[in-house]
Amino acid sequence: MSKATESSAVDDEVLEDDDELSGDEEAGEESAKSGGRTRRPSKARVELLEQEGEIAADYLEGLLDIADLDGDIDMDVEGDRAAVSIVGADLKQLVGKGGAVLDAVQELTRLAVLRATGERSRLMLDIGGFRAARRAELTELGAKSAQEAKETGEPVKLAPMTPFERKVVHDAVAEAGLRSESDGEEPNRRVVVYPS
């Protein structure tokens, strides 16, 4: 399978994540081999993910203090990754245009976790509900693109997206029973939805 065209399962992350560095490709391929089923993390793994969330929360609290911003931090474990969100009145400056600042803060938070644990993190950060809203938009886009591919019988090429965005679209297309692949090189990597 070439780097320019890989299956949706390989596009995991993540996440919103650096495909070459995160090891998400291997995890995605395993998921694809098992029919897309995600294995439940063990109790020990959940404890490690909770620890990642606590480290991230401490780091983010310090960041909020430095920036003189108010926000509450929620932690959870979603699948096989820690999920941390900051909610508050006005956090737009921590999200930035198109989530660019959010992505940067997420990477800094992951580095803080790496420094504390010695392990690379796939932690997912949301600020002010931006990622949750974007996930809903992309899920709808994936479903509409799948419908268009079914109706026209032609592949549907979407605009370039981040790994996180592509993963959400791939999941929505798979849910609709169609196949999608990522095509191109970063930062112009995009999802192509196929009619069969």
N, C-alpha and C. Protein backbone atom coordinates (compact mmCIF):
# COMPACT_ATOMS: atom_id res chain seq x y z
N MET A 1 0.85 -1.17 0.00
CA MET A 1 0.00 0.00 0.00
C MET A 1 0.90 1.23 0.00
N SER A 2 0.68 2.17 -0.91
CA SER A 2 1.53 3.35 -0.98
C SER A 2 1.13 4.37 0.04
N LYS A 3 2.08 5.27 0.35
CA LYS A 3 1.80 6.35 1.32
C LYS A 3 0.77 7.32 0.75
N ALA A 4 0.75 7.48 -0.59
CA ALA A 4 -0.16 8.43 -1.22
C ALA A 4 -1.59 7.93 -1.21
N THR A 5 -1.77 6.62 -1.22
CA THR A 5 -3.13 6.08 -1.22
C THR A 5 -3.20 4.94 -0.23
N GLU A 6 -3.82 5.17 0.90
CA GLU A 6 -3.95 4.13 1.91
C GLU A 6 -5.38 4.07 2.39
N SER A 7 -5.72 2.96 2.99
CA SER A 7 -7.10 2.78 3.42
C SER A 7 -7.44 3.69 4.57
N SER A 8 -8.74 3.82 4.82
CA SER A 8 -9.20 4.70 5.88
C SER A 8 -8.69 4.26 7.24
N ALA A 9 -8.53 2.98 7.43
CA ALA A 9 -8.08 2.50 8.73
C ALA A 9 -6.67 2.99 9.04
N VAL A 10 -5.85 3.19 8.00
CA VAL A 10 -4.48 3.61 8.20
C VAL A 10 -4.43 5.07 8.60
N ASP A 11 -5.48 5.83 8.34
CA ASP A 11 -5.48 7.27 8.53
C ASP A 11 -5.79 7.66 9.96
N ASP A 12 -5.71 6.72 10.89
CA ASP A 12 -6.10 7.01 12.28
C ASP A 12 -5.29 8.12 12.87
N GLU A 13 -5.57 8.86 13.07
CA GLU A 13 -5.24 9.93 13.94
C GLU A 13 -4.70 11.09 13.80
N VAL A 14 -6.24 10.48 14.95
CA VAL A 14 -5.89 10.92 15.66
C VAL A 14 -5.78 12.17 15.21
N LEU A 15 -5.88 11.92 14.83
CA LEU A 15 -6.11 12.04 15.73
C LEU A 15 -5.54 13.43 15.28
N GLU A 16 -5.61 12.83 14.23
CA GLU A 16 -5.29 14.12 14.73
C GLU A 16 -3.85 14.10 14.95
N ASP A 17 -3.12 13.38 14.01
CA ASP A 17 -1.83 12.95 14.47
C ASP A 17 -0.84 12.81 13.34
N ASP A 18 0.43 12.82 13.68
CA ASP A 18 1.48 12.64 12.70
C ASP A 18 1.54 11.17 12.33
N ASP A 19 1.12 10.83 11.10
CA ASP A 19 1.06 9.43 10.67
C ASP A 19 2.41 8.75 10.82
N GLU A 20 3.51 9.44 10.45
CA GLU A 20 4.82 8.81 10.47
C GLU A 20 5.32 8.58 11.89
N LEU A 21 4.90 9.39 12.84
CA LEU A 21 5.48 9.34 14.17
C LEU A 21 4.63 8.61 15.20
N SER A 22 3.35 8.51 14.97
CA SER A 22 2.47 8.08 16.05
C SER A 22 2.30 6.58 16.16
N GLY A 23 2.63 5.83 15.12
CA GLY A 23 2.36 4.40 15.18
C GLY A 23 0.89 4.11 14.94
N ASP A 24 0.12 5.12 14.55
CA ASP A 24 -1.31 4.94 14.34
C ASP A 24 -1.59 4.05 13.13
N GLU A 25 -0.65 4.01 12.16
CA GLU A 25 -0.86 3.18 10.99
C GLU A 25 -0.98 1.72 11.38
N GLU A 26 -0.07 1.27 12.24
CA GLU A 26 -0.12 -0.13 12.66
C GLU A 26 -1.41 -0.42 13.40
N ALA A 27 -1.82 0.49 14.27
CA ALA A 27 -3.07 0.30 15.02
C ALA A 27 -4.25 0.26 14.08
N GLY A 28 -4.24 1.13 13.09
CA GLY A 28 -5.33 1.17 12.12
C GLY A 28 -5.40 -0.08 11.29
N GLU A 29 -4.22 -0.60 10.86
CA GLU A 29 -4.20 -1.81 10.07
C GLU A 29 -4.71 -2.99 10.89
N GLU A 30 -4.34 -3.06 12.17
CA GLU A 30 -4.86 -4.12 13.03
C GLU A 30 -6.37 -4.03 13.14
N SER A 31 -6.89 -2.81 13.28
CA SER A 31 -8.33 -2.62 13.37
C SER A 31 -9.00 -3.09 12.09
N ALA A 32 -8.38 -2.79 10.93
CA ALA A 32 -8.96 -3.19 9.66
C ALA A 32 -8.95 -4.71 9.53
N LYS A 33 -7.87 -5.36 9.98
CA LYS A 33 -7.77 -6.81 9.89
C LYS A 33 -8.79 -7.49 10.78
N SER A 34 -9.18 -6.85 11.86
CA SER A 34 -10.15 -7.46 12.76
C SER A 34 -11.57 -7.03 12.43
N GLY A 35 -11.75 -6.54 11.18
CA GLY A 35 -13.09 -6.16 10.75
C GLY A 35 -13.52 -4.83 11.30
N GLY A 36 -12.58 -3.97 11.68
CA GLY A 36 -12.94 -2.65 12.17
C GLY A 36 -13.30 -2.62 13.64
N ARG A 37 -13.28 -3.81 14.28
CA ARG A 37 -13.61 -3.84 15.70
C ARG A 37 -12.47 -3.27 16.52
N THR A 38 -12.80 -2.46 17.49
CA THR A 38 -11.78 -1.89 18.35
C THR A 38 -11.74 -2.69 19.64
N ARG A 39 -10.52 -3.13 19.99
CA ARG A 39 -10.39 -3.88 21.24
C ARG A 39 -10.48 -2.92 22.41
N ARG A 40 -11.10 -3.40 23.48
CA ARG A 40 -11.18 -2.61 24.71
C ARG A 40 -9.83 -2.59 25.38
N PRO A 41 -9.40 -1.41 25.84
CA PRO A 41 -8.11 -1.38 26.54
C PRO A 41 -8.21 -2.12 27.88
N SER A 42 -7.10 -2.72 28.29
CA SER A 42 -7.07 -3.43 29.56
C SER A 42 -7.17 -2.43 30.71
N LYS A 43 -7.42 -2.97 31.90
CA LYS A 43 -7.53 -2.11 33.08
C LYS A 43 -6.24 -1.32 33.30
N ALA A 44 -5.10 -2.00 33.11
CA ALA A 44 -3.80 -1.32 33.28
C ALA A 44 -3.65 -0.21 32.26
N ARG A 45 -4.08 -0.47 31.02
CA ARG A 45 -3.98 0.54 29.96
C ARG A 45 -4.88 1.74 30.29
N VAL A 46 -6.07 1.48 30.79
CA VAL A 46 -6.99 2.56 31.17
C VAL A 46 -6.36 3.41 32.26
N GLU A 47 -5.70 2.76 33.23
CA GLU A 47 -5.03 3.52 34.30
C GLU A 47 -3.93 4.41 33.74
N LEU A 48 -3.17 3.91 32.75
CA LEU A 48 -2.12 4.71 32.11
C LEU A 48 -2.73 5.90 31.36
N LEU A 49 -3.85 5.67 30.68
CA LEU A 49 -4.51 6.74 29.95
C LEU A 49 -5.08 7.79 30.91
N GLU A 50 -5.60 7.32 32.05
CA GLU A 50 -6.07 8.26 33.07
C GLU A 50 -4.92 9.10 33.61
N GLN A 51 -3.74 8.46 33.79
CA GLN A 51 -2.56 9.18 34.23
C GLN A 51 -2.17 10.25 33.19
N GLU A 52 -2.22 9.88 31.89
CA GLU A 52 -1.95 10.85 30.83
C GLU A 52 -2.90 12.05 30.94
N GLY A 53 -4.18 11.75 31.18
CA GLY A 53 -5.17 12.81 31.32
C GLY A 53 -4.86 13.73 32.49
N GLU A 54 -4.42 13.16 33.60
CA GLU A 54 -4.08 13.98 34.78
C GLU A 54 -2.86 14.86 34.51
N ILE A 55 -1.85 14.30 33.85
CA ILE A 55 -0.66 15.09 33.50
C ILE A 55 -1.06 16.22 32.56
N ALA A 56 -1.87 15.89 31.58
CA ALA A 56 -2.33 16.90 30.62
C ALA A 56 -3.14 17.99 31.32
N ALA A 57 -4.00 17.59 32.24
CA ALA A 57 -4.83 18.57 32.96
C ALA A 57 -3.95 19.52 33.77
N ASP A 58 -2.94 18.99 34.43
CA ASP A 58 -2.02 19.85 35.19
C ASP A 58 -1.32 20.84 34.27
N TYR A 59 -0.84 20.35 33.13
CA TYR A 59 -0.16 21.21 32.17
C TYR A 59 -1.11 22.31 31.67
N LEU A 60 -2.33 21.91 31.32
CA LEU A 60 -3.30 22.87 30.77
C LEU A 60 -3.75 23.89 31.81
N GLU A 61 -3.86 23.46 33.08
CA GLU A 61 -4.20 24.42 34.14
C GLU A 61 -3.12 25.49 34.24
N GLY A 62 -1.87 25.09 34.13
CA GLY A 62 -0.77 26.05 34.14
C GLY A 62 -0.84 27.00 32.95
N LEU A 63 -1.16 26.45 31.81
CA LEU A 63 -1.29 27.27 30.60
C LEU A 63 -2.42 28.29 30.75
N LEU A 64 -3.55 27.85 31.28
CA LEU A 64 -4.69 28.77 31.50
C LEU A 64 -4.31 29.87 32.48
N ASP A 65 -3.57 29.51 33.52
CA ASP A 65 -3.12 30.51 34.50
C ASP A 65 -2.21 31.54 33.84
N ILE A 66 -1.25 31.08 33.05
CA ILE A 66 -0.32 31.99 32.36
C ILE A 66 -1.08 32.93 31.42
N ALA A 67 -2.06 32.37 30.69
CA ALA A 67 -2.84 33.17 29.73
C ALA A 67 -3.94 33.98 30.40
N ASP A 68 -4.11 33.79 31.72
CA ASP A 68 -5.16 34.47 32.48
C ASP A 68 -6.55 34.21 31.90
N LEU A 69 -6.81 32.92 31.62
CA LEU A 69 -8.10 32.49 31.07
C LEU A 69 -8.81 31.59 32.07
N ASP A 70 -10.12 31.69 32.09
CA ASP A 70 -10.91 30.80 32.94
C ASP A 70 -11.37 29.61 32.11
N GLY A 71 -11.31 28.45 32.71
CA GLY A 71 -11.78 27.26 32.03
C GLY A 71 -11.79 26.09 32.98
N ASP A 72 -12.71 25.17 32.73
CA ASP A 72 -12.79 23.93 33.50
C ASP A 72 -12.26 22.81 32.62
N ILE A 73 -11.56 21.87 33.24
CA ILE A 73 -10.94 20.78 32.49
C ILE A 73 -11.66 19.47 32.82
N ASP A 74 -12.09 18.78 31.76
CA ASP A 74 -12.73 17.47 31.89
C ASP A 74 -11.80 16.43 31.30
N MET A 75 -11.71 15.27 31.96
CA MET A 75 -10.87 14.18 31.47
C MET A 75 -11.71 12.93 31.28
N ASP A 76 -11.34 12.14 30.27
CA ASP A 76 -12.04 10.90 30.00
C ASP A 76 -11.08 9.98 29.25
N VAL A 77 -11.49 8.74 29.04
CA VAL A 77 -10.78 7.81 28.18
C VAL A 77 -11.76 7.41 27.09
N GLU A 78 -11.37 7.65 25.84
CA GLU A 78 -12.22 7.30 24.70
C GLU A 78 -11.47 6.32 23.83
N GLY A 79 -11.98 5.09 23.78
CA GLY A 79 -11.28 4.06 23.02
C GLY A 79 -9.94 3.79 23.65
N ASP A 80 -8.87 3.96 22.89
CA ASP A 80 -7.53 3.70 23.38
C ASP A 80 -6.72 4.99 23.46
N ARG A 81 -7.36 6.08 23.91
CA ARG A 81 -6.65 7.34 24.08
C ARG A 81 -7.30 8.16 25.17
N ALA A 82 -6.48 8.98 25.79
CA ALA A 82 -7.00 9.92 26.79
C ALA A 82 -7.66 11.07 26.04
N ALA A 83 -8.75 11.57 26.59
CA ALA A 83 -9.46 12.71 26.00
C ALA A 83 -9.60 13.78 27.08
N VAL A 84 -9.12 14.97 26.76
CA VAL A 84 -9.18 16.08 27.69
C VAL A 84 -9.87 17.24 26.99
N SER A 85 -10.77 17.90 27.70
CA SER A 85 -11.43 19.06 27.10
C SER A 85 -11.42 20.22 28.09
N ILE A 86 -11.30 21.42 27.52
CA ILE A 86 -11.38 22.64 28.30
C ILE A 86 -12.66 23.34 27.90
N VAL A 87 -13.49 23.63 28.87
CA VAL A 87 -14.73 24.35 28.61
C VAL A 87 -14.72 25.64 29.41
N GLY A 88 -15.26 26.67 28.83
CA GLY A 88 -15.28 27.95 29.51
C GLY A 88 -15.97 28.99 28.66
N ALA A 89 -16.05 30.18 29.18
CA ALA A 89 -16.79 31.26 28.54
C ALA A 89 -16.18 31.67 27.21
N ASP A 90 -14.92 32.07 27.20
CA ASP A 90 -14.34 32.60 25.97
C ASP A 90 -12.95 32.01 25.76
N LEU A 91 -12.90 30.96 24.97
CA LEU A 91 -11.64 30.28 24.73
C LEU A 91 -11.26 30.31 23.25
N LYS A 92 -11.86 31.24 22.50
CA LYS A 92 -11.62 31.30 21.05
C LYS A 92 -10.14 31.44 20.71
N GLN A 93 -9.40 32.22 21.53
CA GLN A 93 -7.99 32.41 21.23
C GLN A 93 -7.18 31.13 21.39
N LEU A 94 -7.70 30.16 22.16
CA LEU A 94 -7.02 28.87 22.29
C LEU A 94 -7.43 27.88 21.21
N VAL A 95 -8.42 28.26 20.41
CA VAL A 95 -8.86 27.42 19.30
C VAL A 95 -8.19 27.90 18.01
N GLY A 96 -8.26 29.22 17.77
CA GLY A 96 -7.65 29.79 16.57
C GLY A 96 -8.44 29.49 15.32
N LYS A 97 -8.00 30.07 14.22
CA LYS A 97 -8.67 29.88 12.92
C LYS A 97 -8.58 28.43 12.48
N GLY A 98 -9.72 27.82 12.26
CA GLY A 98 -9.75 26.43 11.82
C GLY A 98 -9.17 25.44 12.81
N GLY A 99 -9.01 25.85 14.06
CA GLY A 99 -8.48 24.95 15.08
C GLY A 99 -6.96 24.87 15.09
N ALA A 100 -6.29 25.82 14.41
CA ALA A 100 -4.82 25.77 14.31
C ALA A 100 -4.15 25.90 15.68
N VAL A 101 -4.64 26.81 16.51
CA VAL A 101 -4.04 26.97 17.85
C VAL A 101 -4.36 25.75 18.71
N LEU A 102 -5.56 25.23 18.58
CA LEU A 102 -5.95 24.01 19.30
C LEU A 102 -4.99 22.87 18.96
N ASP A 103 -4.69 22.69 17.68
CA ASP A 103 -3.76 21.63 17.27
C ASP A 103 -2.39 21.84 17.91
N ALA A 104 -1.94 23.10 17.95
CA ALA A 104 -0.63 23.39 18.55
C ALA A 104 -0.64 23.13 20.05
N VAL A 105 -1.71 23.53 20.73
CA VAL A 105 -1.82 23.29 22.17
C VAL A 105 -1.88 21.79 22.44
N GLN A 106 -2.57 21.06 21.58
CA GLN A 106 -2.64 19.60 21.74
C GLN A 106 -1.23 18.99 21.64
N GLU A 107 -0.45 19.44 20.66
CA GLU A 107 0.90 18.90 20.51
C GLU A 107 1.77 19.25 21.71
N LEU A 108 1.65 20.48 22.21
CA LEU A 108 2.40 20.85 23.40
C LEU A 108 2.00 20.01 24.61
N THR A 109 0.71 19.73 24.71
CA THR A 109 0.21 18.90 25.82
C THR A 109 0.74 17.48 25.69
N ARG A 110 0.76 16.96 24.48
CA ARG A 110 1.32 15.63 24.26
C ARG A 110 2.79 15.59 24.64
N LEU A 111 3.52 16.66 24.32
CA LEU A 111 4.94 16.73 24.69
C LEU A 111 5.11 16.76 26.22
N ALA A 112 4.21 17.45 26.91
CA ALA A 112 4.26 17.47 28.37
C ALA A 112 4.04 16.06 28.93
N VAL A 113 3.13 15.31 28.33
CA VAL A 113 2.88 13.93 28.75
C VAL A 113 4.11 13.07 28.45
N LEU A 114 4.70 13.24 27.27
CA LEU A 114 5.90 12.49 26.90
C LEU A 114 7.03 12.76 27.88
N ARG A 115 7.19 14.01 28.23
CA ARG A 115 8.25 14.37 29.17
C ARG A 115 8.05 13.71 30.53
N ALA A 116 6.80 13.64 30.98
CA ALA A 116 6.50 13.07 32.29
C ALA A 116 6.53 11.55 32.31
N THR A 117 6.12 10.92 31.20
CA THR A 117 5.98 9.47 31.20
C THR A 117 7.04 8.74 30.39
N GLY A 118 7.68 9.45 29.46
CA GLY A 118 8.62 8.80 28.56
C GLY A 118 7.94 8.06 27.42
N GLU A 119 6.61 8.15 27.36
CA GLU A 119 5.84 7.47 26.32
C GLU A 119 5.11 8.49 25.45
N ARG A 120 5.09 8.25 24.13
CA ARG A 120 4.34 9.11 23.22
C ARG A 120 2.85 8.98 23.49
N SER A 121 2.16 10.09 23.43
CA SER A 121 0.73 10.11 23.74
C SER A 121 -0.09 10.36 22.48
N ARG A 122 -1.26 9.74 22.43
CA ARG A 122 -2.24 10.00 21.37
C ARG A 122 -3.41 10.80 21.94
N LEU A 123 -3.17 11.47 23.03
CA LEU A 123 -4.18 12.25 23.71
C LEU A 123 -4.93 13.16 22.74
N MET A 124 -6.24 13.26 22.92
CA MET A 124 -7.08 14.13 22.10
C MET A 124 -7.53 15.28 22.97
N LEU A 125 -7.32 16.50 22.49
CA LEU A 125 -7.71 17.70 23.22
C LEU A 125 -8.83 18.40 22.48
N ASP A 126 -9.83 18.86 23.23
CA ASP A 126 -10.89 19.70 22.68
C ASP A 126 -10.96 20.95 23.54
N ILE A 127 -11.20 22.07 22.88
CA ILE A 127 -11.33 23.33 23.60
C ILE A 127 -12.61 24.02 23.16
N GLY A 128 -13.44 24.35 24.13
CA GLY A 128 -14.69 25.06 23.84
C GLY A 128 -15.63 24.29 22.93
N GLY A 129 -15.51 22.97 22.88
CA GLY A 129 -16.40 22.15 22.05
C GLY A 129 -16.10 22.22 20.57
N PHE A 130 -14.96 22.83 20.18
CA PHE A 130 -14.63 22.98 18.76
C PHE A 130 -14.54 21.64 18.05
N ARG A 131 -13.77 20.71 18.63
CA ARG A 131 -13.58 19.42 17.97
C ARG A 131 -14.88 18.61 17.92
N ALA A 132 -15.67 18.69 18.96
CA ALA A 132 -16.94 17.96 18.98
C ALA A 132 -17.86 18.48 17.87
N ALA A 133 -17.92 19.80 17.71
CA ALA A 133 -18.75 20.39 16.65
C ALA A 133 -18.20 20.03 15.28
N ARG A 134 -16.88 20.06 15.15
CA ARG A 134 -16.24 19.72 13.87
C ARG A 134 -16.49 18.25 13.54
N ARG A 135 -16.44 17.40 14.55
CA ARG A 135 -16.71 15.97 14.32
C ARG A 135 -18.13 15.77 13.78
N ALA A 136 -19.10 16.49 14.33
CA ALA A 136 -20.48 16.38 13.85
C ALA A 136 -20.60 16.85 12.40
N GLU A 137 -19.96 17.97 12.07
CA GLU A 137 -19.96 18.48 10.68
C GLU A 137 -19.36 17.46 9.72
N LEU A 138 -18.22 16.89 10.12
CA LEU A 138 -17.51 15.96 9.24
C LEU A 138 -18.25 14.63 9.09
N THR A 139 -18.93 14.22 10.14
CA THR A 139 -19.73 13.00 10.05
C THR A 139 -20.84 13.20 9.02
N GLU A 140 -21.47 14.37 9.07
CA GLU A 140 -22.51 14.69 8.09
C GLU A 140 -21.92 14.77 6.68
N LEU A 141 -20.76 15.39 6.54
CA LEU A 141 -20.09 15.49 5.24
C LEU A 141 -19.78 14.10 4.69
N GLY A 142 -19.27 13.21 5.54
CA GLY A 142 -18.97 11.85 5.11
C GLY A 142 -20.20 11.12 4.63
N ALA A 143 -21.31 11.26 5.36
CA ALA A 143 -22.56 10.60 4.97
C ALA A 143 -23.08 11.16 3.65
N LYS A 144 -23.03 12.49 3.49
CA LYS A 144 -23.49 13.12 2.24
C LYS A 144 -22.61 12.71 1.06
N SER A 145 -21.31 12.64 1.28
CA SER A 145 -20.38 12.25 0.22
C SER A 145 -20.62 10.80 -0.19
N ALA A 146 -20.89 9.94 0.77
CA ALA A 146 -21.20 8.55 0.47
C ALA A 146 -22.49 8.46 -0.35
N GLN A 147 -23.48 9.23 0.01
CA GLN A 147 -24.74 9.25 -0.73
C GLN A 147 -24.52 9.74 -2.16
N GLU A 148 -23.71 10.79 -2.31
CA GLU A 148 -23.41 11.33 -3.65
C GLU A 148 -22.68 10.28 -4.50
N ALA A 149 -21.72 9.58 -3.90
CA ALA A 149 -20.98 8.55 -4.63
C ALA A 149 -21.91 7.42 -5.07
N LYS A 150 -22.85 7.04 -4.19
CA LYS A 150 -23.82 6.00 -4.54
C LYS A 150 -24.69 6.44 -5.70
N GLU A 151 -25.18 7.68 -5.64
CA GLU A 151 -26.11 8.18 -6.66
C GLU A 151 -25.45 8.40 -8.01
N THR A 152 -24.23 8.92 -8.02
CA THR A 152 -23.56 9.24 -9.28
C THR A 152 -22.73 8.09 -9.82
N GLY A 153 -22.32 7.16 -8.95
CA GLY A 153 -21.45 6.08 -9.38
C GLY A 153 -20.03 6.53 -9.62
N GLU A 154 -19.71 7.76 -9.23
CA GLU A 154 -18.38 8.35 -9.42
C GLU A 154 -17.70 8.60 -8.08
N PRO A 155 -16.37 8.53 -8.04
CA PRO A 155 -15.66 8.87 -6.80
C PRO A 155 -15.89 10.33 -6.43
N VAL A 156 -15.94 10.62 -5.15
CA VAL A 156 -16.11 11.99 -4.66
C VAL A 156 -14.83 12.38 -3.92
N LYS A 157 -14.18 13.45 -4.44
CA LYS A 157 -12.96 13.95 -3.80
C LYS A 157 -13.32 15.12 -2.90
N LEU A 158 -12.85 15.06 -1.67
CA LEU A 158 -13.11 16.12 -0.70
C LEU A 158 -11.90 17.06 -0.59
N ALA A 159 -12.10 18.19 0.04
CA ALA A 159 -11.03 19.16 0.25
C ALA A 159 -9.97 18.56 1.18
N PRO A 160 -8.74 19.07 1.12
CA PRO A 160 -7.70 18.60 2.04
C PRO A 160 -8.13 18.76 3.50
N MET A 161 -7.71 17.80 4.32
CA MET A 161 -8.10 17.78 5.73
C MET A 161 -6.94 17.31 6.59
N THR A 162 -7.07 17.57 7.88
CA THR A 162 -6.09 17.06 8.85
C THR A 162 -6.35 15.57 9.06
N PRO A 163 -5.38 14.85 9.66
CA PRO A 163 -5.61 13.43 9.95
C PRO A 163 -6.87 13.19 10.80
N PHE A 164 -7.09 14.03 11.80
CA PHE A 164 -8.29 13.90 12.63
C PHE A 164 -9.54 14.01 11.78
N GLU A 165 -9.58 15.01 10.91
CA GLU A 165 -10.76 15.23 10.06
C GLU A 165 -10.96 14.07 9.10
N ARG A 166 -9.88 13.59 8.50
CA ARG A 166 -9.99 12.46 7.56
C ARG A 166 -10.52 11.23 8.27
N LYS A 167 -10.04 10.98 9.48
CA LYS A 167 -10.48 9.80 10.24
C LYS A 167 -11.99 9.84 10.48
N VAL A 168 -12.49 11.01 10.85
CA VAL A 168 -13.93 11.14 11.11
C VAL A 168 -14.72 10.86 9.83
N VAL A 169 -14.26 11.42 8.69
CA VAL A 169 -14.95 11.20 7.42
C VAL A 169 -14.88 9.73 7.02
N HIS A 170 -13.71 9.10 7.16
CA HIS A 170 -13.58 7.67 6.82
C HIS A 170 -14.57 6.84 7.64
N ASP A 171 -14.69 7.14 8.92
CA ASP A 171 -15.62 6.39 9.77
C ASP A 171 -17.06 6.56 9.29
N ALA A 172 -17.43 7.79 8.90
CA ALA A 172 -18.81 8.04 8.44
C ALA A 172 -19.07 7.32 7.12
N VAL A 173 -18.09 7.30 6.23
CA VAL A 173 -18.24 6.60 4.95
C VAL A 173 -18.37 5.10 5.18
N ALA A 174 -17.54 4.55 6.05
CA ALA A 174 -17.63 3.13 6.37
C ALA A 174 -18.99 2.79 6.97
N GLU A 175 -19.49 3.68 7.82
CA GLU A 175 -20.82 3.48 8.43
C GLU A 175 -21.90 3.42 7.35
N ALA A 176 -21.70 4.17 6.25
CA ALA A 176 -22.66 4.17 5.14
C ALA A 176 -22.46 2.98 4.21
N GLY A 177 -21.44 2.15 4.50
CA GLY A 177 -21.23 0.93 3.73
C GLY A 177 -20.37 1.12 2.48
N LEU A 178 -19.68 2.24 2.37
CA LEU A 178 -18.81 2.47 1.22
C LEU A 178 -17.35 2.49 1.64
N ARG A 179 -16.47 2.60 0.65
CA ARG A 179 -15.03 2.59 0.86
C ARG A 179 -14.48 3.98 0.58
N SER A 180 -13.50 4.38 1.38
CA SER A 180 -12.82 5.65 1.15
C SER A 180 -11.33 5.46 1.38
N GLU A 181 -10.54 6.31 0.75
CA GLU A 181 -9.10 6.26 0.92
C GLU A 181 -8.58 7.68 1.04
N SER A 182 -7.41 7.81 1.63
CA SER A 182 -6.73 9.10 1.67
C SER A 182 -5.78 9.16 0.49
N ASP A 183 -5.68 10.34 -0.12
CA ASP A 183 -4.87 10.50 -1.31
C ASP A 183 -4.09 11.81 -1.21
N GLY A 184 -2.84 11.81 -1.69
CA GLY A 184 -2.05 13.01 -1.71
C GLY A 184 -1.06 13.07 -0.57
N GLU A 185 -0.33 14.16 -0.53
CA GLU A 185 0.69 14.38 0.49
C GLU A 185 0.26 15.53 1.38
N GLU A 186 0.67 15.48 2.64
CA GLU A 186 0.39 16.58 3.56
C GLU A 186 1.03 17.86 3.04
N PRO A 187 0.44 18.99 3.15
CA PRO A 187 -0.82 19.28 3.84
C PRO A 187 -2.04 19.20 2.94
N ASN A 188 -1.87 18.61 1.74
CA ASN A 188 -2.98 18.54 0.78
C ASN A 188 -3.59 17.16 0.69
N ARG A 189 -3.45 16.38 1.74
CA ARG A 189 -4.02 15.03 1.78
C ARG A 189 -5.53 15.13 1.92
N ARG A 190 -6.24 14.37 1.11
CA ARG A 190 -7.70 14.46 1.09
C ARG A 190 -8.34 13.08 1.09
N VAL A 191 -9.62 13.03 1.37
CA VAL A 191 -10.40 11.79 1.34
C VAL A 191 -11.06 11.67 -0.03
N VAL A 192 -11.01 10.47 -0.59
CA VAL A 192 -11.74 10.15 -1.81
C VAL A 192 -12.72 9.04 -1.45
N VAL A 193 -13.99 9.28 -1.74
CA VAL A 193 -15.05 8.31 -1.43
C VAL A 193 -15.41 7.58 -2.71
N TYR A 194 -15.40 6.25 -2.68
CA TYR A 194 -15.67 5.44 -3.85
C TYR A 194 -17.08 4.84 -3.79
N PRO A 195 -17.72 4.71 -4.97
CA PRO A 195 -19.12 4.25 -4.98
C PRO A 195 -19.28 2.78 -4.58
N SER A 196 -18.19 2.00 -4.64
CA SER A 196 -18.29 0.59 -4.22
C SER A 196 -17.02 0.13 -3.58
